[in-house]
Structures are given as C-alpha cells and as structure tokens.
Protein backbone atom coordinates (compact mmCIF):
# COMPACT_ATOMS: atom_id res chain seq x y z
CA ILE A 1 -34.10 8.37 -0.63
CA ILE A 2 -30.35 8.01 -1.76
CA ILE A 3 -28.76 4.73 -0.96
CA GLY A 4 -25.90 4.89 1.34
CA ILE A 5 -27.47 8.14 3.05
CA GLU A 6 -29.73 7.29 6.08
CA PRO A 7 -32.39 10.21 6.49
CA GLU A 8 -32.64 12.00 9.78
CA ASN A 9 -35.12 10.33 12.24
CA TYR A 10 -35.33 7.57 9.60
CA ALA A 11 -36.87 4.81 11.93
CA GLU A 12 -40.44 6.12 11.29
CA LYS A 13 -40.01 7.19 7.81
CA THR A 14 -41.37 5.04 5.00
CA MET A 15 -38.96 3.22 2.71
CA THR A 16 -39.52 3.20 -1.02
CA ILE A 17 -38.90 -0.37 -2.39
CA SER A 18 -38.69 0.12 -6.27
CA ASP A 19 -38.96 -3.45 -7.21
CA ALA A 20 -42.61 -4.62 -6.96
CA THR A 21 -41.80 -8.29 -5.91
CA ALA A 22 -39.30 -7.39 -3.28
CA ARG A 23 -41.92 -4.73 -1.90
CA LYS A 24 -44.71 -7.28 -1.73
CA ILE A 25 -42.45 -9.75 0.18
CA CYS A 26 -41.21 -7.15 2.57
CA LEU A 27 -44.76 -6.01 3.31
CA ASP A 28 -46.19 -9.44 3.61
CA HIS A 29 -43.32 -10.39 6.04
CA TRP A 30 -42.29 -7.30 8.16
CA ASP A 31 -45.09 -4.68 7.92
CA ALA A 32 -45.46 -4.87 11.79
CA ASN A 33 -48.43 -2.56 12.01
CA GLY A 34 -50.23 -3.60 9.07
CA ASP A 35 -50.43 -0.18 7.48
CA GLY A 36 -49.45 -1.18 4.03
CA LYS A 37 -45.88 0.55 4.42
CA LEU A 38 -42.36 -0.51 5.50
CA THR A 39 -40.64 1.78 7.54
CA TYR A 40 -36.65 1.90 7.94
CA GLY A 41 -37.27 0.93 11.68
CA GLU A 42 -39.35 -2.22 10.69
CA ALA A 43 -36.60 -3.10 8.08
CA ALA A 44 -33.83 -2.70 10.66
CA ALA A 45 -35.69 -4.94 13.20
CA VAL A 46 -35.24 -7.94 10.71
CA ASN A 47 -32.37 -10.14 11.84
CA ASN A 48 -33.09 -13.13 9.57
CA PHE A 49 -35.28 -13.51 6.53
CA GLY A 50 -34.73 -17.06 5.62
CA THR A 51 -35.54 -18.01 2.05
CA VAL A 52 -38.50 -15.92 1.43
CA PHE A 53 -36.78 -14.31 -1.78
CA GLN A 54 -35.36 -17.72 -2.97
CA GLY A 55 -36.57 -18.51 -6.58
CA THR A 56 -38.80 -15.10 -7.06
CA ALA A 57 -38.77 -12.66 -9.88
CA ILE A 58 -37.19 -9.97 -8.13
CA LYS A 59 -34.87 -7.86 -10.28
CA THR A 60 -33.32 -5.11 -7.92
CA PHE A 61 -32.99 -4.85 -4.07
CA LYS A 62 -30.66 -1.95 -3.13
CA GLU A 63 -32.97 -1.33 -0.16
CA LEU A 64 -31.70 -4.59 1.49
CA TYR A 65 -28.77 -2.27 2.62
CA TYR A 66 -31.10 -0.75 5.27
CA PHE A 67 -31.86 -4.22 7.06
CA THR A 68 -29.01 -3.09 9.35
CA ASN A 69 -29.65 -5.75 12.00
CA LEU A 70 -28.62 -8.46 9.42
CA THR A 71 -25.26 -10.10 10.16
CA GLU A 72 -25.50 -13.01 7.74
CA LEU A 73 -26.96 -13.64 4.36
CA PRO A 74 -28.87 -17.02 4.87
CA ASP A 75 -28.28 -20.15 2.94
CA ASP A 76 -30.23 -20.08 -0.29
CA ALA A 77 -31.27 -16.50 0.39
CA PHE A 78 -31.65 -15.40 -3.46
CA ASN A 79 -30.96 -18.88 -4.99
CA GLY A 80 -32.56 -19.09 -8.39
CA CYS A 81 -33.51 -15.40 -8.65
CA GLN A 82 -32.68 -15.33 -12.36
CA GLN A 83 -33.88 -11.89 -12.96
CA LEU A 84 -31.80 -10.25 -10.09
CA THR A 85 -29.45 -7.56 -11.58
CA THR A 86 -28.73 -5.49 -8.49
CA ILE A 87 -28.37 -5.96 -4.76
CA ARG A 88 -26.72 -4.04 -1.93
CA LEU A 89 -25.77 -5.86 1.01
CA PRO A 90 -26.05 -4.30 4.77
CA LYS A 91 -22.54 -3.42 5.93
CA ASN A 92 -22.91 -5.45 9.06
CA ILE A 93 -22.86 -8.76 7.12
CA SER A 94 -20.07 -11.02 8.23
CA LEU A 95 -21.42 -14.38 6.80
CA ILE A 96 -22.81 -15.25 3.42
CA GLY A 97 -24.53 -18.56 3.45
CA ALA A 98 -24.18 -21.36 0.99
CA ARG A 99 -25.91 -20.87 -2.32
CA SER A 100 -27.18 -17.62 -1.13
CA LEU A 101 -26.81 -15.90 -4.64
CA LYS A 102 -26.49 -19.11 -6.72
CA GLY A 103 -27.98 -18.97 -10.24
CA CYS A 104 -28.56 -15.25 -10.26
CA MET A 105 -27.41 -15.20 -13.84
CA LYS A 106 -28.01 -11.54 -14.51
CA LEU A 107 -26.09 -10.27 -11.56
CA SER A 108 -23.18 -8.39 -13.03
CA GLN A 109 -22.01 -6.42 -9.93
CA LEU A 110 -21.67 -7.23 -6.45
CA ASP A 111 -19.97 -5.33 -3.50
CA LEU A 112 -19.24 -7.34 -0.46
CA PRO A 113 -19.07 -5.62 2.94
CA ASP A 114 -15.69 -5.13 4.38
CA HIS A 115 -15.98 -7.48 7.32
CA VAL A 116 -17.14 -10.70 5.67
CA LYS A 117 -15.39 -13.46 7.17
CA SER A 118 -17.11 -16.58 5.79
CA ILE A 119 -18.75 -17.43 2.46
CA GLY A 120 -20.48 -20.72 2.10
CA GLU A 121 -20.15 -23.27 -0.65
CA GLU A 122 -21.46 -22.36 -4.17
CA ALA A 123 -22.56 -18.87 -2.79
CA PHE A 124 -22.11 -17.24 -6.34
CA SER A 125 -22.24 -20.29 -8.49
CA GLY A 126 -23.80 -19.69 -11.82
CA CYS A 127 -23.74 -15.96 -11.55
CA SER A 128 -22.58 -16.04 -15.27
CA GLN A 129 -22.55 -12.18 -15.80
CA LEU A 130 -20.56 -11.41 -12.69
CA ALA A 131 -17.33 -10.04 -14.12
CA VAL A 132 -15.66 -8.35 -11.04
CA LEU A 133 -15.82 -9.52 -7.44
CA GLN A 134 -13.37 -7.98 -4.74
CA LEU A 135 -12.90 -10.84 -2.06
CA PRO A 136 -12.89 -9.45 1.54
CA ASP A 137 -9.59 -9.10 3.47
CA GLU A 138 -10.74 -11.12 6.27
CA LEU A 139 -11.51 -14.21 4.21
CA LYS A 140 -9.75 -17.57 5.09
CA LEU A 141 -11.42 -20.22 2.96
CA LEU A 142 -12.57 -20.07 -0.54
CA SER A 143 -15.50 -22.60 -0.25
CA ALA A 144 -16.11 -25.28 -2.68
CA GLY A 145 -17.73 -24.13 -5.88
CA ILE A 146 -17.83 -20.52 -4.68
CA LEU A 147 -17.37 -19.05 -8.08
CA LYS A 148 -18.32 -22.02 -10.26
CA GLY A 149 -19.82 -20.96 -13.53
CA CYS A 150 -19.09 -17.33 -13.29
CA GLU A 151 -18.21 -17.28 -16.99
CA ALA A 152 -17.73 -13.49 -17.28
CA LEU A 153 -15.29 -13.31 -14.18
CA THR A 154 -11.89 -11.82 -15.48
CA SER A 155 -9.73 -11.29 -12.46
CA VAL A 156 -9.23 -12.71 -9.02
CA ASP A 157 -7.22 -11.09 -6.28
CA LEU A 158 -6.88 -13.66 -3.62
CA PRO A 159 -6.54 -12.09 0.08
CA ILE A 160 -3.49 -12.88 1.90
CA THR A 161 -5.69 -14.37 4.71
CA VAL A 162 -6.77 -17.36 2.42
CA THR A 163 -5.46 -20.44 3.69
CA ALA A 164 -7.67 -23.03 1.69
CA ILE A 165 -9.41 -23.19 -1.79
CA GLY A 166 -12.23 -25.71 -2.08
CA ASP A 167 -13.04 -28.25 -4.74
CA GLN A 168 -14.12 -26.58 -8.15
CA ALA A 169 -13.86 -23.06 -6.61
CA PHE A 170 -13.25 -21.55 -9.96
CA SER A 171 -14.51 -24.29 -12.29
CA GLY A 172 -16.05 -22.99 -15.48
CA CYS A 173 -14.52 -19.52 -15.21
CA LYS A 174 -13.95 -19.39 -18.82
CA SER A 175 -12.85 -15.71 -19.04
CA LEU A 176 -10.32 -15.73 -16.21
CA LYS A 177 -7.38 -13.68 -17.35
CA THR A 178 -5.52 -12.57 -14.29
CA PHE A 179 -5.02 -14.32 -10.83
CA GLU A 180 -3.16 -12.33 -7.97
CA LEU A 181 -1.60 -14.72 -5.29
CA ASN A 182 -0.89 -12.47 -2.26
CA THR A 183 1.32 -14.73 0.00
CA TYR A 184 5.01 -15.72 0.56
CA GLN A 185 3.89 -19.17 1.59
CA PRO A 186 1.74 -20.70 -1.28
CA GLU A 187 2.55 -24.18 -0.08
CA ASP A 188 0.53 -23.39 2.95
CA ILE A 189 -2.58 -22.96 0.85
CA ALA A 190 -4.64 -26.25 0.72
CA LEU A 191 -6.03 -26.75 -2.62
CA GLY A 192 -9.31 -28.93 -3.44
CA GLN A 193 -9.99 -31.10 -6.48
CA ASN A 194 -10.41 -29.36 -9.82
CA VAL A 195 -10.10 -25.91 -8.76
CA PHE A 196 -9.60 -24.71 -12.20
CA GLU A 197 -11.70 -27.12 -14.14
CA ASN A 198 -13.10 -26.07 -17.44
CA CYS A 199 -10.98 -22.75 -17.52
CA ASN A 200 -9.11 -21.68 -20.29
CA LEU A 201 -5.94 -20.63 -18.57
CA SER A 202 -3.63 -20.54 -21.73
CA GLN A 203 -3.57 -16.89 -21.76
CA ALA A 204 -4.04 -16.06 -18.21
CA VAL A 205 -1.44 -14.32 -15.94
CA LEU A 206 -0.53 -15.54 -12.54
CA TYR A 207 0.77 -12.68 -10.36
CA THR A 208 2.99 -13.70 -7.33
CA LEU A 209 5.03 -12.38 -4.67
CA GLN A 210 8.87 -12.45 -4.98
CA GLY A 211 10.53 -15.76 -4.21
CA THR A 212 7.46 -18.00 -4.76
CA LYS A 213 7.81 -18.58 -8.56
CA ASN A 214 9.65 -21.79 -8.30
CA TYR A 215 7.24 -23.29 -5.98
CA LEU A 216 4.25 -22.42 -8.23
CA LYS A 217 6.20 -23.96 -11.27
CA GLU A 218 5.90 -27.48 -9.67
CA ALA A 219 2.36 -27.26 -8.56
CA ASP A 220 -0.23 -29.39 -10.31
CA GLN A 221 -3.08 -26.81 -10.50
C-alpha cells in the first residue's frame, strides 16, 4: 500500500504495518475480531490511543495516517520514543497534545496537518534532529517549550495568526539561522520568559514586514 493512496474498499483490507513494535501494539489493542490482522476499518475506528506507544522502541509509523478518526494526538503519545525516525499524522488532527513527541531524538522530519489549531507544551521538546518544521497557519499560541532543545532546527516561519509565544519556546535551538515574523503588529505578540535561551543568534537573520523594524530594535528578546 502506498502511503497517501487509500485502496478501493479499503475498510476490510489488511493493513501492513512495517514496524514490529507498532504492529504488535496495534494488534494488541485494536484487532477487534482477534484474527491477528489489523484492517483499515479497524484502524479508522480508533478515536484515541492514549499513551500505548509512549517510551516504546517504535522506529517508524507512517501507517498512523490511516487512523482517520483521530482528531488529536494525545498528551505524551510518543513521549520518549527515542528510536522514532518517521511518523505520518492523520489529516484530521487539529490538536497536538503536550509532550506528544518529546524526546524523539531521531525524528528528523515531521509534516503537520494543515488544520492543526493547538499544540501543547513541550510537544516537540528534545527532538534534537528535527531540522525543519512548518508551523500550521491556524496556530495562535506557541506553547512553552514547544521546540526546546531542537538543536538542528535552522529556521522558523511564524504564522501571522500567532499572538503569544510561551516560555523557552525555542530554548536550546542552537542552529537557528532565520526567523520570519509575519505580522504588522509585533507589539501584540505576548512573549514569555527566555524564549531564545541558549540560542546562538549572533549570525541569525530576522525577517520582518515593512514598518516593524524600529519596534523590534527596542524589544528585549
């Protein structure tokens, strides 16, 4: 099965889950008829999986995309999954819980669904190999510690919708080189404490909209 292309009459078809750890967890929890297989229909019926993956040795989980009834990634969903390199989130996800991918130190790429409106505290904290993350256009708050310790992160494109940035949001982002601020009212963005703590910003470039430069010169962060 090619990720992103749903097979015809897919509900009764068996899903091939490549990662052994992910496969076992899925069968243990959602193999409704006990036949030792997980169908696309059984996956689509899951509306919350709690913390069953937290701290496990899972390495890849592209098949999560087919859990189409999920609208949120729970708090601590994959917290501490230190071997996780690849994951694809379902397109209906609108909320990403606190610490949901915290400590996934081998995760190098993550595509967020278009309609994510809320991301919890420290959601991606400690994802030290995450170099690029496109923040969704509907996001209003960058929660505390959201990208703390993302040492490989090189750029941030702040959505125009953001009105608040929490404490230590980018703390420890040592590779941050560009920051795009897409607002004509930067003074309306509430900044927490130590937003850029332990960041080497001496060579970083701040891109702003015309007419906002003077205000930003006087800002203390």
